[in-house]
Every structure is written in C-alpha cells, then in structure tokens.
Amino acid sequence: MAEELIRGLRRFRREAFPRYREHFERLVAEGQSPRTLFIGCSDSRVLPDLLVDAGPGDLFVARNVGAFVPPFDPDDGEHGTGAVIEYAVQVLEVADIVVCGHSHCGAVRALYEPPDVDAPNLERWLRHGREARVEGPVDEPLLRRTERRSIALQVGRLTGYPPIRERVEAGRLALHGWHYLIGEGRVEALDVERGAFAPLEEG
C-alpha cells in the first residue's frame, strides 16, 4: 500500500500539481475562503470533491464515522468535529453546510449489529446515531430508512450550535441533508419542511 501511495504522489507532482500551481499559489497568498462545509462519512467510497466536482479551496471538509454531528457541548463534547464546525462557521463564515450520509453505510448497520471488536471509542461515537434506529427486521429497506433518518437527525443537531442557529435565523447560512446512493451516483436531498428526501435536481 505504501508504494501505491508514493506512486500516486509522484503522479500528483508530475501531472496534477502543474495544472493547479497558480491556483495553489493564490490560495496560499490570499488564504482559503470556501463557501461550503461538507460533513461526510469517512467511508472510502465517499469522495466529496469528486461527488460535487470541487477543486482546491472549494470545500471545508469534516469526515467521521457515519457523518455524525455531536450535540453542542462546550464543556465536555467531541471537540474534533465540533471544532471543525465552529471554525467553518465563525472563522471562514461558510454560507452552506451539507451533511452527506450515504447508502450501505457501515456505521448505520452498526447501530443494529455492532462489530465484534474491542473498540470503545467507536462504541461511544455510535450513540450519536442511535436515535435514528427504527423497529423491524434489519434488511436493506430498513437500513436505507435509517440512513435518511440519521441525516435528518444530524442536520437538526446543527441548530443546537448557537453560531449556526443565529446565522440560519438571519438568513446567512443554509443547512442541507444529502443521501448519496453509491451504486447509482445519485443524491437525494432532505426537504426540511416536508421531512422527506427527494432526488436532487440535476441539470
């Protein structure tokens, strides 16, 4: 694997970096100013930049198991994801936050069938998705439903962050929930008012 990564770095230096050199230099000189915070799952099949055709400097990205948003807790919370959220909103002043879950999510399956490993951090982290569970046999339709419920849960949890709530109420920040169907290359978007997901308009 290390050799594959090194070969990839060489290709980047030889092929990709020259195309973006001036852009990178401008980002260094002027600093970053992304418009969007993308909160996604760490799943290796989810590639935010590829999914939305973004370039360097376009997205500020937080990734974790399940694309979960921990509740706002200034005293004793999960400060990693919370810190990304606060930096994006209060320092970079992004205009949009996208919470992007996906189909066939291992974290969602683990809400019903925890992996048989000694992983206390993972076990604690999964509590941020447990409210999304539903009753019934654990099959693919139930898992898709849970994935969508989890996305809605995380979007709702964002409003517990005071800087986010203030900016949303002032019309300066918009929140979005996306469900990425990996095998189809499609994204469903959460309609907050209806509490349902619908295919994202594609042009």
N, C-alpha and C. Protein backbone atom coordinates (compact mmCIF):
# COMPACT_ATOMS: atom_id res chain seq x y z
N MET A 1 0.82 -1.21 0.00
CA MET A 1 0.00 0.00 0.00
C MET A 1 0.85 1.26 0.00
N ALA A 2 1.93 1.29 0.80
CA ALA A 2 2.77 2.48 0.85
C ALA A 2 3.33 2.82 -0.53
N GLU A 3 3.72 1.78 -1.28
CA GLU A 3 4.24 2.01 -2.62
C GLU A 3 3.18 2.62 -3.54
N GLU A 4 1.92 2.16 -3.38
CA GLU A 4 0.84 2.71 -4.20
C GLU A 4 0.66 4.19 -3.89
N LEU A 5 0.73 4.55 -2.61
CA LEU A 5 0.58 5.95 -2.23
C LEU A 5 1.72 6.79 -2.79
N ILE A 6 2.92 6.26 -2.73
CA ILE A 6 4.08 7.00 -3.24
C ILE A 6 3.96 7.20 -4.75
N ARG A 7 3.50 6.15 -5.44
CA ARG A 7 3.30 6.31 -6.89
C ARG A 7 2.24 7.36 -7.17
N GLY A 8 1.20 7.37 -6.34
CA GLY A 8 0.17 8.39 -6.51
C GLY A 8 0.72 9.79 -6.28
N LEU A 9 1.57 9.95 -5.27
CA LEU A 9 2.19 11.25 -5.02
C LEU A 9 3.03 11.70 -6.21
N ARG A 10 3.73 10.77 -6.79
CA ARG A 10 4.56 11.10 -7.95
C ARG A 10 3.70 11.56 -9.12
N ARG A 11 2.57 10.87 -9.33
CA ARG A 11 1.67 11.29 -10.41
C ARG A 11 1.10 12.67 -10.13
N PHE A 12 0.76 12.91 -8.85
CA PHE A 12 0.25 14.24 -8.48
C PHE A 12 1.28 15.32 -8.81
N ARG A 13 2.51 15.11 -8.40
CA ARG A 13 3.55 16.11 -8.65
C ARG A 13 3.81 16.29 -10.14
N ARG A 14 3.70 15.20 -10.89
CA ARG A 14 4.04 15.24 -12.31
C ARG A 14 2.89 15.74 -13.17
N GLU A 15 1.63 15.37 -12.80
CA GLU A 15 0.51 15.64 -13.69
C GLU A 15 -0.48 16.67 -13.12
N ALA A 16 -0.91 16.47 -11.89
CA ALA A 16 -1.97 17.33 -11.34
C ALA A 16 -1.46 18.66 -10.83
N PHE A 17 -0.38 18.64 -10.05
CA PHE A 17 0.07 19.88 -9.43
C PHE A 17 0.41 20.97 -10.46
N PRO A 18 1.09 20.64 -11.56
CA PRO A 18 1.38 21.71 -12.54
C PRO A 18 0.12 22.41 -13.05
N ARG A 19 -0.98 21.66 -13.21
CA ARG A 19 -2.22 22.26 -13.69
C ARG A 19 -2.80 23.24 -12.67
N TYR A 20 -2.58 22.97 -11.39
CA TYR A 20 -3.18 23.77 -10.33
C TYR A 20 -2.17 24.71 -9.65
N ARG A 21 -0.95 24.77 -10.16
CA ARG A 21 0.09 25.51 -9.44
C ARG A 21 -0.33 26.94 -9.14
N GLU A 22 -0.80 27.67 -10.14
CA GLU A 22 -1.16 29.07 -9.91
C GLU A 22 -2.32 29.18 -8.92
N HIS A 23 -3.24 28.24 -8.99
CA HIS A 23 -4.37 28.24 -8.07
C HIS A 23 -3.91 28.02 -6.63
N PHE A 24 -3.01 27.05 -6.44
CA PHE A 24 -2.47 26.80 -5.11
C PHE A 24 -1.71 28.02 -4.60
N GLU A 25 -0.93 28.63 -5.47
CA GLU A 25 -0.17 29.81 -5.06
C GLU A 25 -1.10 30.94 -4.63
N ARG A 26 -2.22 31.09 -5.34
CA ARG A 26 -3.20 32.12 -4.97
C ARG A 26 -3.86 31.79 -3.63
N LEU A 27 -4.16 30.50 -3.41
CA LEU A 27 -4.76 30.11 -2.14
C LEU A 27 -3.80 30.33 -0.98
N VAL A 28 -2.51 30.16 -1.23
CA VAL A 28 -1.52 30.42 -0.19
C VAL A 28 -1.44 31.93 0.09
N ALA A 29 -1.42 32.71 -0.97
CA ALA A 29 -1.27 34.16 -0.82
C ALA A 29 -2.51 34.82 -0.22
N GLU A 30 -3.69 34.36 -0.65
CA GLU A 30 -4.93 35.01 -0.24
C GLU A 30 -5.65 34.28 0.89
N GLY A 31 -5.27 33.04 1.16
CA GLY A 31 -5.96 32.24 2.16
C GLY A 31 -7.18 31.56 1.56
N GLN A 32 -7.73 30.63 2.31
CA GLN A 32 -8.90 29.90 1.84
C GLN A 32 -10.18 30.65 2.15
N SER A 33 -11.16 30.49 1.30
CA SER A 33 -12.46 31.09 1.53
C SER A 33 -13.56 30.19 0.97
N PRO A 34 -13.63 28.94 1.44
CA PRO A 34 -14.66 28.03 0.93
C PRO A 34 -16.05 28.51 1.33
N ARG A 35 -17.02 28.25 0.48
CA ARG A 35 -18.41 28.65 0.78
C ARG A 35 -19.16 27.55 1.52
N THR A 36 -18.62 26.33 1.49
CA THR A 36 -19.38 25.19 2.00
C THR A 36 -18.58 24.35 2.98
N LEU A 37 -19.23 24.00 4.09
CA LEU A 37 -18.71 22.97 5.00
C LEU A 37 -19.41 21.67 4.62
N PHE A 38 -18.64 20.67 4.28
CA PHE A 38 -19.16 19.36 3.88
C PHE A 38 -18.87 18.38 5.00
N ILE A 39 -19.90 17.90 5.68
CA ILE A 39 -19.75 16.92 6.75
C ILE A 39 -20.12 15.57 6.17
N GLY A 40 -19.13 14.71 6.00
CA GLY A 40 -19.38 13.44 5.34
C GLY A 40 -18.84 12.27 6.14
N CYS A 41 -19.16 11.09 5.68
CA CYS A 41 -18.71 9.87 6.32
C CYS A 41 -17.27 9.57 5.89
N SER A 42 -16.53 8.89 6.77
CA SER A 42 -15.15 8.51 6.46
C SER A 42 -15.07 7.37 5.45
N ASP A 43 -16.19 6.79 5.09
CA ASP A 43 -16.24 5.67 4.15
C ASP A 43 -15.39 5.97 2.92
N SER A 44 -14.54 5.02 2.55
CA SER A 44 -13.60 5.23 1.43
C SER A 44 -14.30 5.37 0.09
N ARG A 45 -15.58 5.01 0.01
CA ARG A 45 -16.32 5.11 -1.26
C ARG A 45 -16.95 6.49 -1.45
N VAL A 46 -16.86 7.33 -0.44
CA VAL A 46 -17.46 8.67 -0.50
C VAL A 46 -16.33 9.69 -0.70
N LEU A 47 -16.30 10.31 -1.86
CA LEU A 47 -15.25 11.28 -2.20
C LEU A 47 -15.90 12.64 -2.43
N PRO A 48 -15.91 13.50 -1.42
CA PRO A 48 -16.63 14.78 -1.54
C PRO A 48 -16.24 15.60 -2.77
N ASP A 49 -14.94 15.76 -3.02
CA ASP A 49 -14.51 16.59 -4.15
C ASP A 49 -14.98 16.01 -5.48
N LEU A 50 -14.90 14.68 -5.60
CA LEU A 50 -15.35 14.03 -6.82
C LEU A 50 -16.86 14.14 -6.97
N LEU A 51 -17.57 13.99 -5.86
CA LEU A 51 -19.03 13.99 -5.89
C LEU A 51 -19.59 15.31 -6.41
N VAL A 52 -19.00 16.43 -6.01
CA VAL A 52 -19.54 17.73 -6.40
C VAL A 52 -18.61 18.47 -7.37
N ASP A 53 -17.62 17.74 -7.91
CA ASP A 53 -16.69 18.33 -8.88
C ASP A 53 -16.05 19.60 -8.31
N ALA A 54 -15.54 19.49 -7.08
CA ALA A 54 -14.91 20.64 -6.41
C ALA A 54 -13.41 20.64 -6.64
N GLY A 55 -12.84 21.83 -6.61
CA GLY A 55 -11.40 21.97 -6.75
C GLY A 55 -10.78 22.41 -5.44
N PRO A 56 -9.47 22.60 -5.42
CA PRO A 56 -8.79 23.03 -4.21
C PRO A 56 -9.38 24.35 -3.70
N GLY A 57 -9.69 24.40 -2.41
CA GLY A 57 -10.21 25.62 -1.81
C GLY A 57 -11.71 25.75 -1.85
N ASP A 58 -12.42 24.81 -2.49
CA ASP A 58 -13.87 24.93 -2.63
C ASP A 58 -14.64 24.42 -1.41
N LEU A 59 -14.15 23.35 -0.78
CA LEU A 59 -14.87 22.73 0.33
C LEU A 59 -14.01 22.73 1.59
N PHE A 60 -14.66 22.98 2.73
CA PHE A 60 -14.06 22.72 4.03
C PHE A 60 -14.71 21.44 4.50
N VAL A 61 -13.94 20.41 4.82
CA VAL A 61 -14.49 19.07 4.98
C VAL A 61 -14.26 18.52 6.40
N ALA A 62 -15.32 17.98 6.97
CA ALA A 62 -15.23 17.20 8.21
C ALA A 62 -15.72 15.80 7.88
N ARG A 63 -14.92 14.80 8.20
CA ARG A 63 -15.33 13.42 7.95
C ARG A 63 -15.18 12.62 9.22
N ASN A 64 -16.17 11.78 9.47
CA ASN A 64 -16.11 10.89 10.62
C ASN A 64 -16.98 9.67 10.34
N VAL A 65 -16.95 8.71 11.22
CA VAL A 65 -17.75 7.51 11.05
C VAL A 65 -19.23 7.88 11.13
N GLY A 66 -19.94 7.70 10.01
CA GLY A 66 -21.37 7.94 9.98
C GLY A 66 -21.82 9.35 9.61
N ALA A 67 -20.87 10.27 9.42
CA ALA A 67 -21.24 11.68 9.17
C ALA A 67 -22.11 12.22 10.30
N PHE A 68 -21.72 11.89 11.53
CA PHE A 68 -22.49 12.30 12.69
C PHE A 68 -22.09 13.70 13.17
N VAL A 69 -23.04 14.39 13.75
CA VAL A 69 -22.80 15.70 14.35
C VAL A 69 -23.06 15.55 15.85
N PRO A 70 -22.03 15.64 16.67
CA PRO A 70 -22.26 15.53 18.11
C PRO A 70 -23.02 16.74 18.62
N PRO A 71 -23.80 16.60 19.67
CA PRO A 71 -24.51 17.76 20.22
C PRO A 71 -23.53 18.83 20.68
N PHE A 72 -23.96 20.07 20.60
CA PHE A 72 -23.14 21.17 21.10
C PHE A 72 -22.91 20.99 22.59
N ASP A 73 -21.65 20.96 22.98
CA ASP A 73 -21.29 20.80 24.39
C ASP A 73 -19.96 21.49 24.61
N PRO A 74 -19.97 22.76 25.07
CA PRO A 74 -18.72 23.50 25.22
C PRO A 74 -17.83 22.98 26.34
N ASP A 75 -18.35 22.12 27.19
CA ASP A 75 -17.58 21.68 28.34
C ASP A 75 -16.93 20.31 28.16
N ASP A 76 -17.66 19.38 27.57
CA ASP A 76 -17.12 18.02 27.51
C ASP A 76 -17.65 17.27 26.30
N GLY A 77 -17.52 17.88 25.13
CA GLY A 77 -18.05 17.23 23.93
C GLY A 77 -16.96 16.62 23.09
N GLU A 78 -17.34 16.07 21.93
CA GLU A 78 -16.35 15.60 20.97
C GLU A 78 -15.82 16.82 20.23
N HIS A 79 -14.68 17.29 20.66
CA HIS A 79 -14.22 18.60 20.20
C HIS A 79 -13.67 18.59 18.77
N GLY A 80 -13.34 17.42 18.22
CA GLY A 80 -12.80 17.38 16.87
C GLY A 80 -13.81 17.86 15.84
N THR A 81 -14.94 17.20 15.73
CA THR A 81 -15.96 17.60 14.77
C THR A 81 -16.54 18.95 15.14
N GLY A 82 -16.77 19.19 16.43
CA GLY A 82 -17.29 20.48 16.87
C GLY A 82 -16.36 21.62 16.51
N ALA A 83 -15.05 21.38 16.61
CA ALA A 83 -14.08 22.42 16.28
C ALA A 83 -14.11 22.75 14.79
N VAL A 84 -14.27 21.72 13.96
CA VAL A 84 -14.37 21.96 12.51
C VAL A 84 -15.60 22.81 12.21
N ILE A 85 -16.72 22.46 12.84
CA ILE A 85 -17.96 23.20 12.62
C ILE A 85 -17.79 24.66 13.03
N GLU A 86 -17.24 24.89 14.21
CA GLU A 86 -17.08 26.26 14.70
C GLU A 86 -16.11 27.06 13.83
N TYR A 87 -15.03 26.43 13.40
CA TYR A 87 -14.06 27.14 12.55
C TYR A 87 -14.69 27.52 11.22
N ALA A 88 -15.42 26.56 10.63
CA ALA A 88 -16.04 26.82 9.33
C ALA A 88 -17.06 27.95 9.42
N VAL A 89 -17.85 27.96 10.48
CA VAL A 89 -18.94 28.92 10.60
C VAL A 89 -18.45 30.27 11.09
N GLN A 90 -17.61 30.28 12.12
CA GLN A 90 -17.25 31.53 12.76
C GLN A 90 -16.00 32.19 12.20
N VAL A 91 -15.07 31.40 11.66
CA VAL A 91 -13.84 31.96 11.10
C VAL A 91 -13.96 32.10 9.59
N LEU A 92 -14.32 31.01 8.92
CA LEU A 92 -14.42 31.05 7.46
C LEU A 92 -15.75 31.62 6.98
N GLU A 93 -16.75 31.61 7.84
CA GLU A 93 -18.07 32.16 7.53
C GLU A 93 -18.66 31.52 6.27
N VAL A 94 -18.71 30.20 6.27
CA VAL A 94 -19.32 29.49 5.13
C VAL A 94 -20.79 29.87 5.02
N ALA A 95 -21.31 29.72 3.81
CA ALA A 95 -22.71 30.06 3.56
C ALA A 95 -23.61 28.83 3.59
N ASP A 96 -23.02 27.65 3.45
CA ASP A 96 -23.79 26.41 3.41
C ASP A 96 -23.10 25.32 4.21
N ILE A 97 -23.90 24.47 4.85
CA ILE A 97 -23.39 23.26 5.47
C ILE A 97 -24.16 22.08 4.90
N VAL A 98 -23.44 21.11 4.37
CA VAL A 98 -24.03 19.90 3.83
C VAL A 98 -23.66 18.73 4.74
N VAL A 99 -24.67 18.03 5.23
CA VAL A 99 -24.45 16.77 5.93
C VAL A 99 -24.76 15.66 4.92
N CYS A 100 -23.73 14.92 4.54
CA CYS A 100 -23.90 13.92 3.48
C CYS A 100 -23.68 12.51 4.03
N GLY A 101 -24.79 11.81 4.23
CA GLY A 101 -24.72 10.38 4.53
C GLY A 101 -24.79 9.61 3.23
N HIS A 102 -24.78 8.30 3.33
CA HIS A 102 -24.76 7.52 2.09
C HIS A 102 -25.38 6.15 2.29
N SER A 103 -25.66 5.49 1.18
CA SER A 103 -26.22 4.15 1.22
C SER A 103 -25.15 3.15 1.64
N HIS A 104 -25.61 2.00 2.15
CA HIS A 104 -24.71 0.91 2.55
C HIS A 104 -23.66 1.38 3.55
N CYS A 105 -24.13 2.19 4.50
CA CYS A 105 -23.24 2.79 5.50
C CYS A 105 -22.96 1.80 6.62
N GLY A 106 -21.69 1.52 6.85
CA GLY A 106 -21.31 0.59 7.90
C GLY A 106 -21.67 1.10 9.29
N ALA A 107 -21.60 2.41 9.49
CA ALA A 107 -21.94 2.97 10.80
C ALA A 107 -23.42 2.77 11.10
N VAL A 108 -24.27 2.93 10.09
CA VAL A 108 -25.70 2.73 10.30
C VAL A 108 -26.00 1.26 10.58
N ARG A 109 -25.38 0.36 9.85
CA ARG A 109 -25.57 -1.06 10.14
C ARG A 109 -25.11 -1.38 11.56
N ALA A 110 -24.04 -0.73 11.99
CA ALA A 110 -23.50 -0.99 13.33
C ALA A 110 -24.45 -0.52 14.43
N LEU A 111 -25.39 0.35 14.10
CA LEU A 111 -26.39 0.74 15.10
C LEU A 111 -27.26 -0.45 15.49
N TYR A 112 -27.39 -1.41 14.57
CA TYR A 112 -28.19 -2.61 14.81
C TYR A 112 -27.30 -3.83 15.10
N GLU A 113 -26.19 -3.90 14.40
CA GLU A 113 -25.29 -5.04 14.51
C GLU A 113 -23.87 -4.55 14.79
N PRO A 114 -23.58 -4.21 16.05
CA PRO A 114 -22.25 -3.69 16.38
C PRO A 114 -21.16 -4.68 16.00
N PRO A 115 -20.05 -4.19 15.45
CA PRO A 115 -18.96 -5.11 15.10
C PRO A 115 -18.39 -5.77 16.35
N ASP A 116 -17.99 -7.01 16.20
CA ASP A 116 -17.50 -7.79 17.33
C ASP A 116 -16.00 -7.50 17.53
N VAL A 117 -15.72 -6.27 17.96
CA VAL A 117 -14.34 -5.85 18.20
C VAL A 117 -14.30 -5.04 19.50
N ASP A 118 -13.12 -4.93 20.06
CA ASP A 118 -12.93 -4.10 21.25
C ASP A 118 -12.59 -2.69 20.78
N ALA A 119 -13.61 -1.86 20.63
CA ALA A 119 -13.44 -0.50 20.09
C ALA A 119 -14.28 0.47 20.89
N PRO A 120 -13.83 0.84 22.10
CA PRO A 120 -14.65 1.69 22.97
C PRO A 120 -14.94 3.07 22.39
N ASN A 121 -14.00 3.62 21.65
CA ASN A 121 -14.25 4.94 21.05
C ASN A 121 -15.35 4.86 20.00
N LEU A 122 -15.31 3.81 19.19
CA LEU A 122 -16.34 3.61 18.19
C LEU A 122 -17.69 3.40 18.86
N GLU A 123 -17.71 2.60 19.90
CA GLU A 123 -18.97 2.33 20.60
C GLU A 123 -19.58 3.62 21.15
N ARG A 124 -18.74 4.48 21.74
CA ARG A 124 -19.25 5.75 22.25
C ARG A 124 -19.73 6.65 21.12
N TRP A 125 -18.99 6.66 20.03
CA TRP A 125 -19.34 7.54 18.91
C TRP A 125 -20.67 7.18 18.29
N LEU A 126 -20.97 5.89 18.21
CA LEU A 126 -22.20 5.44 17.57
C LEU A 126 -23.46 5.92 18.28
N ARG A 127 -23.32 6.35 19.52
CA ARG A 127 -24.51 6.85 20.23
C ARG A 127 -25.12 8.06 19.53
N HIS A 128 -24.32 8.75 18.70
CA HIS A 128 -24.83 9.93 18.01
C HIS A 128 -25.77 9.58 16.85
N GLY A 129 -25.91 8.30 16.57
CA GLY A 129 -26.84 7.88 15.53
C GLY A 129 -27.99 7.05 16.04
N ARG A 130 -27.97 6.70 17.31
CA ARG A 130 -28.94 5.71 17.80
C ARG A 130 -30.38 6.19 17.75
N GLU A 131 -30.61 7.49 17.83
CA GLU A 131 -31.99 7.99 17.74
C GLU A 131 -32.61 7.73 16.37
N ALA A 132 -31.78 7.43 15.39
CA ALA A 132 -32.30 7.19 14.03
C ALA A 132 -32.81 5.77 13.84
N ARG A 133 -32.56 4.88 14.79
CA ARG A 133 -32.98 3.49 14.61
C ARG A 133 -34.50 3.36 14.53
N VAL A 134 -34.93 2.36 13.79
CA VAL A 134 -36.36 2.06 13.67
C VAL A 134 -36.58 0.58 13.96
N GLU A 135 -37.82 0.25 14.27
CA GLU A 135 -38.14 -1.14 14.58
C GLU A 135 -38.35 -1.94 13.29
N GLY A 136 -37.99 -3.19 13.35
CA GLY A 136 -38.22 -4.06 12.21
C GLY A 136 -37.02 -4.92 11.92
N PRO A 137 -37.20 -5.88 11.01
CA PRO A 137 -36.07 -6.74 10.63
C PRO A 137 -34.99 -5.92 9.94
N VAL A 138 -33.73 -6.25 10.22
CA VAL A 138 -32.62 -5.48 9.65
C VAL A 138 -32.39 -5.96 8.21
N ASP A 139 -33.03 -5.25 7.29
CA ASP A 139 -32.84 -5.54 5.88
C ASP A 139 -32.45 -4.25 5.16
N GLU A 140 -32.27 -4.32 3.87
CA GLU A 140 -31.79 -3.14 3.12
C GLU A 140 -32.77 -1.97 3.18
N PRO A 141 -34.09 -2.18 3.00
CA PRO A 141 -35.01 -1.03 3.12
C PRO A 141 -34.94 -0.35 4.48
N LEU A 142 -34.82 -1.15 5.56
CA LEU A 142 -34.73 -0.55 6.89
C LEU A 142 -33.43 0.25 7.03
N LEU A 143 -32.35 -0.26 6.47
CA LEU A 143 -31.07 0.45 6.57
C LEU A 143 -31.12 1.76 5.78
N ARG A 144 -31.74 1.75 4.58
CA ARG A 144 -31.87 3.00 3.81
C ARG A 144 -32.69 4.02 4.60
N ARG A 145 -33.76 3.53 5.22
CA ARG A 145 -34.61 4.43 6.02
C ARG A 145 -33.82 5.00 7.20
N THR A 146 -33.03 4.16 7.84
CA THR A 146 -32.24 4.63 8.98
C THR A 146 -31.18 5.64 8.53
N GLU A 147 -30.57 5.40 7.39
CA GLU A 147 -29.58 6.34 6.86
C GLU A 147 -30.20 7.73 6.68
N ARG A 148 -31.41 7.76 6.11
CA ARG A 148 -32.08 9.04 5.89
C ARG A 148 -32.46 9.69 7.22
N ARG A 149 -32.95 8.89 8.15
CA ARG A 149 -33.31 9.43 9.47
C ARG A 149 -32.08 9.99 10.18
N SER A 150 -30.97 9.32 10.03
CA SER A 150 -29.75 9.81 10.67
C SER A 150 -29.32 11.15 10.09
N ILE A 151 -29.40 11.29 8.78
CA ILE A 151 -29.04 12.56 8.15
C ILE A 151 -29.92 13.69 8.68
N ALA A 152 -31.22 13.44 8.74
CA ALA A 152 -32.13 14.46 9.27
C ALA A 152 -31.80 14.79 10.73
N LEU A 153 -31.45 13.76 11.50
CA LEU A 153 -31.08 13.96 12.90
C LEU A 153 -29.85 14.85 13.01
N GLN A 154 -28.85 14.60 12.19
CA GLN A 154 -27.61 15.39 12.27
C GLN A 154 -27.85 16.83 11.83
N VAL A 155 -28.64 17.03 10.79
CA VAL A 155 -28.96 18.40 10.35
C VAL A 155 -29.67 19.15 11.47
N GLY A 156 -30.62 18.49 12.12
CA GLY A 156 -31.32 19.12 13.22
C GLY A 156 -30.38 19.45 14.38
N ARG A 157 -29.42 18.58 14.61
CA ARG A 157 -28.49 18.79 15.72
C ARG A 157 -27.60 20.01 15.48
N LEU A 158 -27.34 20.33 14.22
CA LEU A 158 -26.52 21.51 13.92
C LEU A 158 -27.12 22.78 14.51
N THR A 159 -28.44 22.85 14.55
CA THR A 159 -29.07 24.08 15.05
C THR A 159 -28.89 24.24 16.55
N GLY A 160 -28.35 23.22 17.22
CA GLY A 160 -28.02 23.36 18.63
C GLY A 160 -26.75 24.15 18.87
N TYR A 161 -26.00 24.41 17.81
CA TYR A 161 -24.79 25.23 17.91
C TYR A 161 -25.22 26.69 17.79
N PRO A 162 -25.05 27.50 18.84
CA PRO A 162 -25.56 28.89 18.81
C PRO A 162 -25.13 29.69 17.60
N PRO A 163 -23.86 29.65 17.16
CA PRO A 163 -23.49 30.45 15.98
C PRO A 163 -24.24 30.02 14.72
N ILE A 164 -24.54 28.72 14.61
CA ILE A 164 -25.29 28.23 13.45
C ILE A 164 -26.73 28.70 13.53
N ARG A 165 -27.34 28.53 14.68
CA ARG A 165 -28.74 28.94 14.84
C ARG A 165 -28.91 30.43 14.53
N GLU A 166 -27.99 31.26 15.03
CA GLU A 166 -28.09 32.70 14.80
C GLU A 166 -27.98 33.03 13.32
N ARG A 167 -27.06 32.37 12.63
CA ARG A 167 -26.85 32.67 11.21
C ARG A 167 -27.99 32.14 10.34
N VAL A 168 -28.52 30.97 10.70
CA VAL A 168 -29.67 30.44 9.96
C VAL A 168 -30.86 31.37 10.10
N GLU A 169 -31.13 31.81 11.33
CA GLU A 169 -32.27 32.70 11.57
C GLU A 169 -32.09 34.03 10.86
N ALA A 170 -30.84 34.46 10.67
CA ALA A 170 -30.57 35.72 9.99
C ALA A 170 -30.49 35.57 8.47
N GLY A 171 -30.64 34.34 7.98
CA GLY A 171 -30.59 34.10 6.54
C GLY A 171 -29.19 34.12 5.97
N ARG A 172 -28.19 33.94 6.82
CA ARG A 172 -26.80 33.99 6.36
C ARG A 172 -26.19 32.61 6.18
N LEU A 173 -26.92 31.59 6.55
CA LEU A 173 -26.39 30.23 6.49
C LEU A 173 -27.54 29.27 6.17
N ALA A 174 -27.28 28.33 5.28
CA ALA A 174 -28.30 27.33 4.91
C ALA A 174 -27.77 25.94 5.23
N LEU A 175 -28.66 25.08 5.73
CA LEU A 175 -28.31 23.71 6.08
C LEU A 175 -28.94 22.73 5.10
N HIS A 176 -28.19 21.70 4.73
CA HIS A 176 -28.65 20.74 3.73
C HIS A 176 -28.35 19.32 4.20
N GLY A 177 -29.26 18.41 3.92
CA GLY A 177 -29.04 17.00 4.18
C GLY A 177 -29.06 16.22 2.88
N TRP A 178 -28.01 15.47 2.62
CA TRP A 178 -27.90 14.69 1.38
C TRP A 178 -27.75 13.21 1.70
N HIS A 179 -28.40 12.38 0.88
CA HIS A 179 -28.25 10.93 0.96
C HIS A 179 -27.68 10.46 -0.38
N TYR A 180 -26.42 10.06 -0.35
CA TYR A 180 -25.71 9.67 -1.57
C TYR A 180 -25.89 8.17 -1.79
N LEU A 181 -26.47 7.82 -2.93
CA LEU A 181 -26.67 6.42 -3.30
C LEU A 181 -25.46 5.96 -4.11
N ILE A 182 -24.57 5.26 -3.44
CA ILE A 182 -23.25 4.97 -4.02
C ILE A 182 -23.35 4.23 -5.35
N GLY A 183 -24.15 3.20 -5.40
CA GLY A 183 -24.20 2.38 -6.60
C GLY A 183 -24.90 3.02 -7.77
N GLU A 184 -25.60 4.13 -7.53
CA GLU A 184 -26.35 4.80 -8.59
C GLU A 184 -25.78 6.16 -8.96
N GLY A 185 -24.88 6.69 -8.13
CA GLY A 185 -24.32 8.01 -8.40
C GLY A 185 -25.33 9.13 -8.24
N ARG A 186 -26.41 8.86 -7.47
CA ARG A 186 -27.44 9.87 -7.27
C ARG A 186 -27.42 10.40 -5.85
N VAL A 187 -27.95 11.62 -5.69
CA VAL A 187 -28.08 12.22 -4.37
C VAL A 187 -29.52 12.61 -4.14
N GLU A 188 -30.05 12.21 -3.00
CA GLU A 188 -31.37 12.66 -2.56
C GLU A 188 -31.16 13.76 -1.53
N ALA A 189 -31.98 14.79 -1.60
CA ALA A 189 -31.85 15.92 -0.68
C ALA A 189 -33.03 15.96 0.29
N LEU A 190 -32.73 16.35 1.50
CA LEU A 190 -33.75 16.46 2.54
C LEU A 190 -34.57 17.73 2.34
N ASP A 191 -35.87 17.56 2.26
CA ASP A 191 -36.80 18.69 2.28
C ASP A 191 -37.23 18.85 3.73
N VAL A 192 -36.67 19.85 4.40
CA VAL A 192 -36.88 20.00 5.83
C VAL A 192 -38.35 20.22 6.15
N GLU A 193 -39.03 21.02 5.34
CA GLU A 193 -40.43 21.32 5.62
C GLU A 193 -41.30 20.08 5.53
N ARG A 194 -41.03 19.22 4.54
CA ARG A 194 -41.82 18.00 4.37
C ARG A 194 -41.28 16.84 5.19
N GLY A 195 -40.04 16.96 5.64
CA GLY A 195 -39.43 15.86 6.38
C GLY A 195 -39.21 14.63 5.52
N ALA A 196 -38.93 14.85 4.23
CA ALA A 196 -38.75 13.74 3.30
C ALA A 196 -37.58 14.02 2.38
N PHE A 197 -37.10 12.96 1.72
CA PHE A 197 -36.00 13.08 0.77
C PHE A 197 -36.53 12.96 -0.65
N ALA A 198 -35.94 13.74 -1.53
CA ALA A 198 -36.32 13.69 -2.94
C ALA A 198 -35.05 13.82 -3.78
N PRO A 199 -35.05 13.27 -5.01
CA PRO A 199 -33.86 13.38 -5.86
C PRO A 199 -33.44 14.83 -6.03
N LEU A 200 -32.16 15.08 -5.87
CA LEU A 200 -31.64 16.42 -6.06
C LEU A 200 -31.71 16.76 -7.54
N GLU A 201 -32.16 17.96 -7.83
CA GLU A 201 -32.28 18.37 -9.24
C GLU A 201 -30.93 18.28 -9.93
N GLU A 202 -30.91 17.67 -11.07
CA GLU A 202 -29.68 17.55 -11.84
C GLU A 202 -29.91 18.16 -13.20
N GLY A 203 -28.91 18.91 -13.65
CA GLY A 203 -29.04 19.55 -14.95
C GLY A 203 -28.00 19.08 -15.92
